C-alpha atoms as a PDB file:
ATOM      1  CA  MET A   1      96.135  -0.721   2.562  1.00  0.00           C
ATOM      2  CA  PRO A   2      99.470   0.773   1.898  1.00  0.00           C
ATOM      3  CA  GLY A   3      99.672   2.799  -1.153  1.00  0.00           C
ATOM      4  CA  TRP A   4      96.088   3.274  -1.454  1.00  0.00           C
ATOM      5  CA  CYS A   5      95.206   6.518  -3.513  1.00  0.00           C
ATOM      6  CA  GLY A   6      91.384   6.481  -3.968  1.00  0.00           C
ATOM      7  CA  ALA A   7      89.650   7.959  -7.037  1.00  0.00           C
ATOM      8  CA  SER A   8      91.834  11.224  -6.922  1.00  0.00           C
ATOM      9  CA  GLY A   9      95.187   9.142  -7.525  1.00  0.00           C
ATOM     10  CA  ASN A  10      96.513  11.286  -4.477  1.00  0.00           C
ATOM     11  CA  ALA A  11      97.653   9.257  -1.614  1.00  0.00           C
ATOM     12  CA  SER A  12      95.564   9.702   1.415  1.00  0.00           C
ATOM     13  CA  PRO A  13      97.208  11.519   4.307  1.00  0.00           C
ATOM     14  CA  LEU A  14      95.712   9.159   6.621  1.00  0.00           C
ATOM     15  CA  MET A  15      96.913   6.239   4.967  1.00  0.00           C
ATOM     16  CA  THR A  16     100.412   7.452   4.534  1.00  0.00           C
ATOM     17  CA  ARG A  17     101.100   7.519   8.235  1.00  0.00           C
ATOM     18  CA  SER A  18     101.788   5.224  10.744  1.00  0.00           C
ATOM     19  CA  PRO A  19      98.897   4.109  13.181  1.00  0.00           C
ATOM     20  CA  SER A  20     101.026   5.216  16.091  1.00  0.00           C
ATOM     21  CA  SER A  21     101.523   8.575  14.677  1.00  0.00           C
ATOM     22  CA  ARG A  22      97.893   9.241  14.516  1.00  0.00           C
ATOM     23  CA  ARG A  23      97.567   8.064  18.198  1.00  0.00           C
ATOM     24  CA  GLY A  24     100.137  10.600  19.358  1.00  0.00           C
ATOM     25  CA  GLY A  25     102.654   7.759  19.594  1.00  0.00           C
ATOM     26  CA  GLN A  26     100.887   6.280  22.733  1.00  0.00           C
ATOM     27  CA  SER A  27     101.955   2.714  23.459  1.00  0.00           C
ATOM     28  CA  THR A  28      98.972   0.052  23.421  1.00  0.00           C
ATOM     29  CA  ALA A  29      99.510  -0.734  27.052  1.00  0.00           C
ATOM     30  CA  SER A  30      99.025   3.153  27.889  1.00  0.00           C
ATOM     31  CA  ARG A  31      95.692   3.524  25.493  1.00  0.00           C
ATOM     32  CA  SER A  32      94.270   0.430  27.047  1.00  0.00           C
ATOM     33  CA  ALA A  33      94.540   1.172  30.837  1.00  0.00           C
ATOM     34  CA  ALA A  34      92.528   4.286  30.862  1.00  0.00           C
ATOM     35  CA  PRO A  35      89.426   2.858  29.099  1.00  0.00           C
ATOM     36  CA  ALA A  36      89.400  -0.293  31.280  1.00  0.00           C
ATOM     37  CA  SER A  37      89.601   2.000  34.638  1.00  0.00           C
ATOM     38  CA  LYS A  38      86.748   4.231  33.277  1.00  0.00           C
ATOM     39  CA  ALA A  39      84.812   1.177  32.360  1.00  0.00           C
ATOM     40  CA  SER A  40      85.236  -0.419  35.779  1.00  0.00           C
ATOM     41  CA  ALA A  41      84.305   3.067  37.663  1.00  0.00           C
ATOM     42  CA  THR A  42      81.171   3.244  35.236  1.00  0.00           C
ATOM     43  CA  ARG A  43      80.249  -0.457  35.987  1.00  0.00           C
ATOM     44  CA  THR A  44      80.652   0.082  39.754  1.00  0.00           C
ATOM     45  CA  ARG A  45      78.396   3.295  39.776  1.00  0.00           C
ATOM     46  CA  ARG A  46      75.556   1.630  37.676  1.00  0.00           C
ATOM     47  CA  GLN A  47      75.657  -1.421  40.246  1.00  0.00           C
ATOM     48  CA  THR A  48      75.388   1.149  43.121  1.00  0.00           C
ATOM     49  CA  LEU A  49      72.443   3.089  41.604  1.00  0.00           C
ATOM     50  CA  ALA A  50      70.520  -0.254  40.317  1.00  0.00           C
ATOM     51  CA  GLY A  51      66.996  -0.122  41.251  1.00  0.00           C
ATOM     52  CA  GLN A  52      66.900   3.417  42.395  1.00  0.00           C
ATOM     53  CA  GLY A  53      66.160   5.154  38.920  1.00  0.00           C
ATOM     54  CA  VAL A  54      62.969   6.704  37.832  1.00  0.00           C
ATOM     55  CA  GLY A  55      61.926   3.950  35.678  1.00  0.00           C
ATOM     56  CA  ASP A  56      58.966   1.732  36.473  1.00  0.00           C
ATOM     57  CA  PRO A  57      59.425  -1.765  35.104  1.00  0.00           C
ATOM     58  CA  ASP A  58      55.542  -2.422  34.874  1.00  0.00           C
ATOM     59  CA  ARG A  59      54.877   1.070  33.093  1.00  0.00           C
ATOM     60  CA  ALA A  60      57.776  -0.062  30.423  1.00  0.00           C
ATOM     61  CA  GLY A  61      56.297  -3.327  29.836  1.00  0.00           C
ATOM     62  CA  ASP A  62      52.882  -1.642  29.161  1.00  0.00           C
ATOM     63  CA  ALA A  63      54.560   0.687  26.741  1.00  0.00           C
ATOM     64  CA  VAL A  64      56.258  -2.307  25.022  1.00  0.00           C
ATOM     65  CA  LEU A  65      52.677  -3.967  24.531  1.00  0.00           C
ATOM     66  CA  ALA A  66      51.355  -0.655  23.347  1.00  0.00           C
ATOM     67  CA  LEU A  67      54.037  -0.635  20.629  1.00  0.00           C
ATOM     68  CA  VAL A  68      53.298  -4.351  19.698  1.00  0.00           C
ATOM     69  CA  ASP A  69      49.515  -3.460  19.067  1.00  0.00           C
ATOM     70  CA  ALA A  70      50.476  -0.182  17.248  1.00  0.00           C
ATOM     71  CA  GLU A  71      49.418   0.183  13.690  1.00  0.00           C
ATOM     72  CA  LYS A  72      52.482   1.833  12.633  1.00  0.00           C
ATOM     73  CA  PRO A  73      55.004   1.390  15.484  1.00  0.00           C
ATOM     74  CA  PRO A  74      58.258   3.506  15.642  1.00  0.00           C
ATOM     75  CA  VAL A  75      61.471   2.271  14.365  1.00  0.00           C
ATOM     76  CA  HIS A  76      63.017   3.837  17.364  1.00  0.00           C
ATOM     77  CA  ILE A  77      61.785   4.393  20.767  1.00  0.00           C
ATOM     78  CA  LEU A  78      62.875   5.672  24.142  1.00  0.00           C
ATOM     79  CA  LEU A  79      61.497   4.384  27.324  1.00  0.00           C
ATOM     80  CA  GLY A  80      61.889   6.728  30.376  1.00  0.00           C
ATOM     81  CA  SER A  81      62.607  10.438  30.952  1.00  0.00           C
ATOM     82  CA  ASP A  82      66.049   9.702  31.819  1.00  0.00           C
ATOM     83  CA  ALA A  83      66.584   8.017  28.381  1.00  0.00           C
ATOM     84  CA  VAL A  84      65.066  10.884  26.418  1.00  0.00           C
ATOM     85  CA  ARG A  85      67.316  13.597  28.368  1.00  0.00           C
ATOM     86  CA  LEU A  86      70.437  11.581  27.615  1.00  0.00           C
ATOM     87  CA  VAL A  87      69.761  10.706  24.070  1.00  0.00           C
ATOM     88  CA  ALA A  88      68.718  14.368  23.312  1.00  0.00           C
ATOM     89  CA  ALA A  89      71.846  15.652  24.795  1.00  0.00           C
ATOM     90  CA  GLY A  90      74.045  13.338  22.762  1.00  0.00           C
ATOM     91  CA  ARG A  91      72.049  14.350  19.592  1.00  0.00           C
ATOM     92  CA  ARG A  92      72.549  18.102  20.355  1.00  0.00           C
ATOM     93  CA  ARG A  93      76.452  17.404  20.731  1.00  0.00           C
ATOM     94  CA  VAL A  94      76.440  15.541  17.516  1.00  0.00           C
ATOM     95  CA  GLN A  95      74.613  18.387  15.955  1.00  0.00           C
ATOM     96  CA  ASP A  96      76.634  21.107  17.424  1.00  0.00           C
ATOM     97  CA  ASP A  97      79.956  19.192  15.740  1.00  0.00           C
ATOM     98  CA  PHE A  98      78.091  19.001  12.450  1.00  0.00           C
ATOM     99  CA  ASP A  99      77.318  22.818  12.688  1.00  0.00           C
ATOM    100  CA  ALA A 100      80.685  23.802  13.900  1.00  0.00           C
ATOM    101  CA  TRP A 101      82.654  21.626  11.005  1.00  0.00           C
ATOM    102  CA  GLU A 102      80.131  22.103   8.109  1.00  0.00           C
ATOM    103  CA  GLU A 103      82.331  24.023   6.002  1.00  0.00           C
ATOM    104  CA  LEU A 104      85.156  21.582   6.229  1.00  0.00           C
ATOM    105  CA  SER A 105      82.969  18.783   5.592  1.00  0.00           C
ATOM    106  CA  ARG A 106      81.599  20.372   2.333  1.00  0.00           C
ATOM    107  CA  SER A 107      85.119  21.382   1.343  1.00  0.00           C
ATOM    108  CA  THR A 108      85.730  17.751   0.381  1.00  0.00           C
ATOM    109  CA  ASP A 109      83.252  17.914  -2.586  1.00  0.00           C
ATOM    110  CA  SER A 110      84.773  17.692  -5.935  1.00  0.00           C
ATOM    111  CA  THR A 111      84.944  20.796  -7.757  1.00  0.00           C
ATOM    112  CA  GLY A 112      83.847  19.106 -11.034  1.00  0.00           C
ATOM    113  CA  GLY A 113      80.124  18.314  -9.875  1.00  0.00           C
ATOM    114  CA  GLY A 114      79.111  14.853  -9.559  1.00  0.00           C
ATOM    115  CA  VAL A 115      76.101  12.868  -8.530  1.00  0.00           C
ATOM    116  CA  THR A 116      74.582  13.649  -5.287  1.00  0.00           C
ATOM    117  CA  VAL A 117      73.389  10.574  -2.950  1.00  0.00           C
ATOM    118  CA  ALA A 118      70.028  11.301  -1.814  1.00  0.00           C
END
């Protein structure tokens, strides 16, 4: 989208820089090697730990059946204490980022008011 200006008529700084300058000038090869290595290590760790978790497949099945029979089932559900712990920690990290950068986030509003999306 070269030359995109958006509603303000001002060129977006993100749209005026080359993709490599936003990535710190790293080459494609050096960017793709690290994630592949990390993915391989994660896969190996999961394979090593398979079957040793705290989850009970029978209890998970019973929980799913309870959801099927629920009058008002949840849109989202976590099964297992490890899932609850990991998702809760991730949501806390996201909320911490929101809180830390709230002022900057709000600073992008138009000074002329406008319609707030619900």
